């Protein structure tokens, strides 16, 4: 691996309802590969 890049994501849905959100990474150049997880959980805030 010659180069490594890091990207950030900010969801438009800011509800933290504990639901699973899928992510899809698409690259315009087929010669490149992306390593990423399939999604994440919008974690509910802890109740106090």
PDB file of N, CA and C in Angstrom:
ATOM      1  N   UNK A   1       0.848  -1.168   0.000  1.00  0.00           N
ATOM      2  CA  UNK A   1       0.000   0.000   0.000  1.00  0.00           C
ATOM      3  C   UNK A   1       0.894   1.233   0.000  1.00  0.00           C
ATOM      4  N   UNK A   2       0.738   2.064  -0.995  1.00  0.00           N
ATOM      5  CA  UNK A   2       1.554   3.268  -1.098  1.00  0.00           C
ATOM      6  C   UNK A   2       0.919   4.454  -0.405  1.00  0.00           C
ATOM      7  N   UNK A   3      -0.373   4.580  -0.520  1.00  0.00           N
ATOM      8  CA  UNK A   3      -1.066   5.739   0.047  1.00  0.00           C
ATOM      9  C   UNK A   3      -2.243   5.283   0.887  1.00  0.00           C
ATOM     10  N   UNK A   4      -2.522   6.057   1.882  1.00  0.00           N
ATOM     11  CA  UNK A   4      -3.658   5.766   2.737  1.00  0.00           C
ATOM     12  C   UNK A   4      -4.365   7.087   3.003  1.00  0.00           C
ATOM     13  N   UNK A   5      -5.689   7.060   2.900  1.00  0.00           N
ATOM     14  CA  UNK A   5      -6.479   8.260   3.103  1.00  0.00           C
ATOM     15  C   UNK A   5      -7.529   8.001   4.175  1.00  0.00           C
ATOM     16  N   UNK A   6      -7.941   9.050   4.812  1.00  0.00           N
ATOM     17  CA  UNK A   6      -8.980   8.963   5.821  1.00  0.00           C
ATOM     18  C   UNK A   6     -10.088   9.936   5.440  1.00  0.00           C
ATOM     19  N   UNK A   7     -11.333   9.471   5.516  1.00  0.00           N
ATOM     20  CA  UNK A   7     -12.456  10.351   5.223  1.00  0.00           C
ATOM     21  C   UNK A   7     -13.386  10.385   6.430  1.00  0.00           C
ATOM     22  N   UNK A   8     -14.198  11.403   6.499  1.00  0.00           N
ATOM     23  CA  UNK A   8     -15.163  11.544   7.587  1.00  0.00           C
ATOM     24  C   UNK A   8     -16.562  11.592   7.000  1.00  0.00           C
ATOM     25  N   UNK A   9     -17.523  11.210   7.816  1.00  0.00           N
ATOM     26  CA  UNK A   9     -18.920  11.183   7.396  1.00  0.00           C
ATOM     27  C   UNK A   9     -19.768  11.827   8.472  1.00  0.00           C
ATOM     28  N   UNK A  10     -20.644  12.719   8.076  1.00  0.00           N
ATOM     29  CA  UNK A  10     -21.604  13.324   8.987  1.00  0.00           C
ATOM     30  C   UNK A  10     -22.997  13.021   8.451  1.00  0.00           C
ATOM     31  N   UNK A  11     -23.800  12.260   9.200  1.00  0.00           N
ATOM     32  CA  UNK A  11     -25.117  11.885   8.693  1.00  0.00           C
ATOM     33  C   UNK A  11     -26.075  13.067   8.657  1.00  0.00           C
ATOM     34  N   UNK A  12     -27.004  13.028   7.716  1.00  0.00           N
ATOM     35  CA  UNK A  12     -28.046  14.054   7.658  1.00  0.00           C
ATOM     36  C   UNK A  12     -29.144  13.754   8.668  1.00  0.00           C
ATOM     37  N   UNK A  13     -29.304  12.494   9.034  1.00  0.00           N
ATOM     38  CA  UNK A  13     -30.272  12.085  10.047  1.00  0.00           C
ATOM     39  C   UNK A  13     -29.546  12.093  11.392  1.00  0.00           C
ATOM     40  N   UNK A  14     -29.806  13.093  12.222  1.00  0.00           N
ATOM     41  CA  UNK A  14     -29.077  13.202  13.485  1.00  0.00           C
ATOM     42  C   UNK A  14     -29.798  12.555  14.674  1.00  0.00           C
ATOM     43  N   UNK A  15     -30.876  11.790  14.410  1.00  0.00           N
ATOM     44  CA  UNK A  15     -31.569  11.082  15.495  1.00  0.00           C
ATOM     45  C   UNK A  15     -30.697   9.955  16.021  1.00  0.00           C
ATOM     46  N   UNK A  16     -30.572   9.873  17.304  1.00  0.00           N
ATOM     47  CA  UNK A  16     -29.825   8.785  17.943  1.00  0.00           C
ATOM     48  C   UNK A  16     -30.831   7.819  18.548  1.00  0.00           C
ATOM     49  N   UNK A  17     -31.411   7.014  17.677  1.00  0.00           N
ATOM     50  CA  UNK A  17     -32.503   6.125  18.070  1.00  0.00           C
ATOM     51  C   UNK A  17     -32.080   4.666  18.215  1.00  0.00           C
ATOM     52  N   UNK A  18     -30.789   4.395  18.144  1.00  0.00           N
ATOM     53  CA  UNK A  18     -30.301   3.029  18.295  1.00  0.00           C
ATOM     54  C   UNK A  18     -30.419   2.186  17.036  1.00  0.00           C
ATOM     55  N   UNK A  19     -30.892   2.758  15.954  1.00  0.00           N
ATOM     56  CA  UNK A  19     -31.068   1.985  14.719  1.00  0.00           C
ATOM     57  C   UNK A  19     -29.734   1.787  14.000  1.00  0.00           C
ATOM     58  N   UNK A  20     -29.704   0.759  13.163  1.00  0.00           N
ATOM     59  CA  UNK A  20     -28.524   0.459  12.359  1.00  0.00           C
ATOM     60  C   UNK A  20     -28.607   1.250  11.067  1.00  0.00           C
ATOM     61  N   UNK A  21     -27.535   1.911  10.704  1.00  0.00           N
ATOM     62  CA  UNK A  21     -27.484   2.709   9.473  1.00  0.00           C
ATOM     63  C   UNK A  21     -26.446   2.096   8.539  1.00  0.00           C
ATOM     64  N   UNK A  22     -26.868   1.775   7.331  1.00  0.00           N
ATOM     65  CA  UNK A  22     -25.967   1.183   6.345  1.00  0.00           C
ATOM     66  C   UNK A  22     -25.118   2.270   5.690  1.00  0.00           C
ATOM     67  N   UNK A  23     -23.890   1.897   5.358  1.00  0.00           N
ATOM     68  CA  UNK A  23     -22.991   2.770   4.626  1.00  0.00           C
ATOM     69  C   UNK A  23     -22.612   2.089   3.323  1.00  0.00           C
ATOM     70  N   UNK A  24     -22.478   2.873   2.284  1.00  0.00           N
ATOM     71  CA  UNK A  24     -22.026   2.337   0.998  1.00  0.00           C
ATOM     72  C   UNK A  24     -20.966   3.273   0.448  1.00  0.00           C
ATOM     73  N   UNK A  25     -19.796   2.725   0.192  1.00  0.00           N
ATOM     74  CA  UNK A  25     -18.676   3.495  -0.333  1.00  0.00           C
ATOM     75  C   UNK A  25     -18.517   3.128  -1.803  1.00  0.00           C
ATOM     76  N   UNK A  26     -18.545   4.132  -2.663  1.00  0.00           N
ATOM     77  CA  UNK A  26     -18.355   3.897  -4.093  1.00  0.00           C
ATOM     78  C   UNK A  26     -17.150   4.698  -4.569  1.00  0.00           C
ATOM     79  N   UNK A  27     -16.291   4.034  -5.323  1.00  0.00           N
ATOM     80  CA  UNK A  27     -15.107   4.686  -5.873  1.00  0.00           C
ATOM     81  C   UNK A  27     -15.258   4.825  -7.378  1.00  0.00           C
ATOM     82  N   UNK A  28     -14.842   5.941  -7.904  1.00  0.00           N
ATOM     83  CA  UNK A  28     -14.976   6.165  -9.346  1.00  0.00           C
ATOM     84  C   UNK A  28     -13.917   5.388 -10.132  1.00  0.00           C
ATOM     85  N   UNK A  29     -12.789   5.090  -9.514  1.00  0.00           N
ATOM     86  CA  UNK A  29     -11.726   4.345 -10.173  1.00  0.00           C
ATOM     87  C   UNK A  29     -11.762   2.896  -9.689  1.00  0.00           C
ATOM     88  N   UNK A  30     -11.986   1.967 -10.582  1.00  0.00           N
ATOM     89  CA  UNK A  30     -12.104   0.542 -10.231  1.00  0.00           C
ATOM     90  C   UNK A  30     -10.770  -0.070  -9.792  1.00  0.00           C
ATOM     91  N   UNK A  31      -9.654   0.623 -10.027  1.00  0.00           N
ATOM     92  CA  UNK A  31      -8.346   0.121  -9.621  1.00  0.00           C
ATOM     93  C   UNK A  31      -8.107   0.296  -8.125  1.00  0.00           C
ATOM     94  N   UNK A  32      -8.900   1.121  -7.473  1.00  0.00           N
ATOM     95  CA  UNK A  32      -8.745   1.385  -6.039  1.00  0.00           C
ATOM     96  C   UNK A  32      -9.705   0.529  -5.231  1.00  0.00           C
ATOM     97  N   UNK A  33      -9.338   0.293  -3.984  1.00  0.00           N
ATOM     98  CA  UNK A  33     -10.194  -0.460  -3.069  1.00  0.00           C
ATOM     99  C   UNK A  33     -10.397   0.361  -1.811  1.00  0.00           C
ATOM    100  N   UNK A  34     -11.584   0.276  -1.256  1.00  0.00           N
ATOM    101  CA  UNK A  34     -11.870   0.946   0.007  1.00  0.00           C
ATOM    102  C   UNK A  34     -12.107  -0.117   1.069  1.00  0.00           C
ATOM    103  N   UNK A  35     -11.566   0.118   2.241  1.00  0.00           N
ATOM    104  CA  UNK A  35     -11.799  -0.774   3.367  1.00  0.00           C
ATOM    105  C   UNK A  35     -12.620   0.002   4.379  1.00  0.00           C
ATOM    106  N   UNK A  36     -13.849  -0.437   4.595  1.00  0.00           N
ATOM    107  CA  UNK A  36     -14.750   0.280   5.500  1.00  0.00           C
ATOM    108  C   UNK A  36     -15.753  -0.696   6.090  1.00  0.00           C
ATOM    109  N   UNK A  37     -16.354  -0.311   7.179  1.00  0.00           N
ATOM    110  CA  UNK A  37     -17.396  -1.157   7.760  1.00  0.00           C
ATOM    111  C   UNK A  37     -18.698  -0.980   6.987  1.00  0.00           C
ATOM    112  N   UNK A  38     -19.606  -1.899   7.153  1.00  0.00           N
ATOM    113  CA  UNK A  38     -20.866  -1.906   6.402  1.00  0.00           C
ATOM    114  C   UNK A  38     -21.877  -0.899   6.926  1.00  0.00           C
ATOM    115  N   UNK A  39     -21.707  -0.457   8.171  1.00  0.00           N
ATOM    116  CA  UNK A  39     -22.647   0.482   8.755  1.00  0.00           C
ATOM    117  C   UNK A  39     -22.300   0.768  10.200  1.00  0.00           C
ATOM    118  N   UNK A  40     -23.222   1.403  10.897  1.00  0.00           N
ATOM    119  CA  UNK A  40     -23.003   1.749  12.302  1.00  0.00           C
ATOM    120  C   UNK A  40     -24.342   1.863  13.010  1.00  0.00           C
ATOM    121  N   UNK A  41     -24.306   1.844  14.321  1.00  0.00           N
ATOM    122  CA  UNK A  41     -25.506   2.031  15.134  1.00  0.00           C
ATOM    123  C   UNK A  41     -25.546   3.471  15.632  1.00  0.00           C
ATOM    124  N   UNK A  42     -26.690   4.108  15.470  1.00  0.00           N
ATOM    125  CA  UNK A  42     -26.898   5.456  15.995  1.00  0.00           C
ATOM    126  C   UNK A  42     -27.237   5.298  17.472  1.00  0.00           C
ATOM    127  N   UNK A  43     -26.206   5.279  18.286  1.00  0.00           N
ATOM    128  CA  UNK A  43     -26.325   4.946  19.705  1.00  0.00           C
ATOM    129  C   UNK A  43     -27.209   5.938  20.460  1.00  0.00           C
ATOM    130  N   UNK A  44     -28.092   5.378  21.252  1.00  0.00           N
ATOM    131  CA  UNK A  44     -28.964   6.196  22.096  1.00  0.00           C
ATOM    132  C   UNK A  44     -28.146   6.797  23.227  1.00  0.00           C
ATOM    133  N   UNK A  45     -28.416   8.043  23.591  1.00  0.00           N
ATOM    134  CA  UNK A  45     -27.724   8.610  24.747  1.00  0.00           C
ATOM    135  C   UNK A  45     -28.137   7.883  26.029  1.00  0.00           C
ATOM    136  N   UNK A  46     -27.224   7.793  26.976  1.00  0.00           N
ATOM    137  CA  UNK A  46     -27.523   7.123  28.249  1.00  0.00           C
ATOM    138  C   UNK A  46     -28.490   7.942  29.060  1.00  0.00           C
ATOM    139  N   UNK A  47     -29.442   7.277  29.680  1.00  0.00           N
ATOM    140  CA  UNK A  47     -30.411   7.942  30.566  1.00  0.00           C
ATOM    141  C   UNK A  47     -29.793   8.077  31.950  1.00  0.00           C
ATOM    142  N   UNK A  48     -30.013   9.209  32.571  1.00  0.00           N
ATOM    143  CA  UNK A  48     -29.467   9.405  33.928  1.00  0.00           C
ATOM    144  C   UNK A  48     -30.562   9.704  34.883  1.00  0.00           C
TER     145      UNK A  48
END
